[in-house]
Amino acid sequence: MKNWRILRDYRRAAHTLTDAASGIANLHNIALTR
């Protein structure tokens, strides 16, 4: 059960990192196209 909890937290962290990375990429693209 403990491993499942760690895996779930890891997936949540990965999702947050992915969202942050895509947000930064979007800002970068906006800056480049201006």
N, C-alpha and C. Protein backbone atom coordinates (compact mmCIF):
# COMPACT_ATOMS: atom_id res chain seq x y z
N MET A 1 0.83 -1.21 0.00
CA MET A 1 0.00 0.00 0.00
C MET A 1 0.87 1.26 0.00
N LYS A 2 1.98 1.20 0.75
CA LYS A 2 2.85 2.37 0.84
C LYS A 2 3.45 2.71 -0.53
N ASN A 3 3.84 1.67 -1.29
CA ASN A 3 4.40 1.91 -2.62
C ASN A 3 3.39 2.58 -3.53
N TRP A 4 2.12 2.17 -3.40
CA TRP A 4 1.07 2.76 -4.24
C TRP A 4 0.96 4.25 -3.95
N ARG A 5 1.05 4.59 -2.65
CA ARG A 5 0.94 5.99 -2.25
C ARG A 5 2.10 6.80 -2.85
N ILE A 6 3.29 6.26 -2.78
CA ILE A 6 4.47 6.95 -3.33
C ILE A 6 4.31 7.13 -4.84
N LEU A 7 3.83 6.08 -5.50
CA LEU A 7 3.65 6.14 -6.95
C LEU A 7 2.63 7.21 -7.32
N ARG A 8 1.55 7.28 -6.54
CA ARG A 8 0.50 8.27 -6.80
C ARG A 8 1.06 9.68 -6.63
N ASP A 9 1.81 9.90 -5.55
CA ASP A 9 2.42 11.21 -5.31
C ASP A 9 3.39 11.56 -6.43
N TYR A 10 4.15 10.56 -6.89
CA TYR A 10 5.12 10.79 -7.96
C TYR A 10 4.41 11.20 -9.24
N ARG A 11 3.29 10.52 -9.54
CA ARG A 11 2.54 10.86 -10.76
C ARG A 11 1.96 12.26 -10.66
N ARG A 12 1.51 12.63 -9.46
CA ARG A 12 0.96 13.98 -9.28
C ARG A 12 2.05 15.02 -9.48
N ALA A 13 3.23 14.75 -8.94
CA ALA A 13 4.35 15.67 -9.09
C ALA A 13 4.75 15.78 -10.56
N ALA A 14 4.76 14.65 -11.26
CA ALA A 14 5.12 14.65 -12.67
C ALA A 14 4.10 15.46 -13.47
N HIS A 15 2.83 15.33 -13.11
CA HIS A 15 1.77 16.07 -13.80
C HIS A 15 1.95 17.57 -13.57
N THR A 16 2.28 17.94 -12.34
CA THR A 16 2.49 19.35 -12.02
C THR A 16 3.69 19.90 -12.80
N LEU A 17 4.76 19.10 -12.87
CA LEU A 17 5.95 19.53 -13.61
C LEU A 17 5.63 19.69 -15.09
N THR A 18 4.82 18.77 -15.62
CA THR A 18 4.45 18.84 -17.04
C THR A 18 3.64 20.09 -17.31
N ASP A 19 2.69 20.40 -16.41
CA ASP A 19 1.87 21.60 -16.56
C ASP A 19 2.75 22.84 -16.52
N ALA A 20 3.69 22.87 -15.58
CA ALA A 20 4.59 24.02 -15.44
C ALA A 20 5.45 24.17 -16.69
N ALA A 21 5.97 23.05 -17.19
CA ALA A 21 6.83 23.08 -18.37
C ALA A 21 6.06 23.58 -19.58
N SER A 22 4.82 23.11 -19.75
CA SER A 22 4.03 23.53 -20.91
C SER A 22 3.67 25.01 -20.78
N GLY A 23 3.42 25.46 -19.55
CA GLY A 23 3.11 26.87 -19.34
C GLY A 23 4.30 27.75 -19.70
N ILE A 24 5.49 27.33 -19.28
CA ILE A 24 6.71 28.08 -19.60
C ILE A 24 6.95 28.07 -21.11
N ALA A 25 6.70 26.93 -21.74
CA ALA A 25 6.88 26.83 -23.19
C ALA A 25 5.92 27.77 -23.90
N ASN A 26 4.69 27.86 -23.41
CA ASN A 26 3.71 28.76 -24.02
C ASN A 26 4.17 30.21 -23.89
N LEU A 27 4.66 30.59 -22.72
CA LEU A 27 5.15 31.95 -22.52
C LEU A 27 6.33 32.22 -23.44
N HIS A 28 7.20 31.24 -23.59
CA HIS A 28 8.38 31.38 -24.45
C HIS A 28 7.94 31.59 -25.90
N ASN A 29 6.96 30.81 -26.34
CA ASN A 29 6.47 30.94 -27.72
C ASN A 29 5.84 32.30 -27.94
N ILE A 30 5.10 32.80 -26.95
CA ILE A 30 4.47 34.12 -27.07
C ILE A 30 5.56 35.19 -27.18
N ALA A 31 6.60 35.05 -26.36
CA ALA A 31 7.70 36.02 -26.38
C ALA A 31 8.41 36.00 -27.73
N LEU A 32 8.57 34.81 -28.30
CA LEU A 32 9.27 34.69 -29.58
C LEU A 32 8.45 35.25 -30.74
N THR A 33 7.14 35.05 -30.69
CA THR A 33 6.31 35.48 -31.82
C THR A 33 6.01 36.96 -31.79
N ARG A 34 6.30 37.64 -30.67
CA ARG A 34 6.03 39.07 -30.59
C ARG A 34 7.04 39.88 -31.37
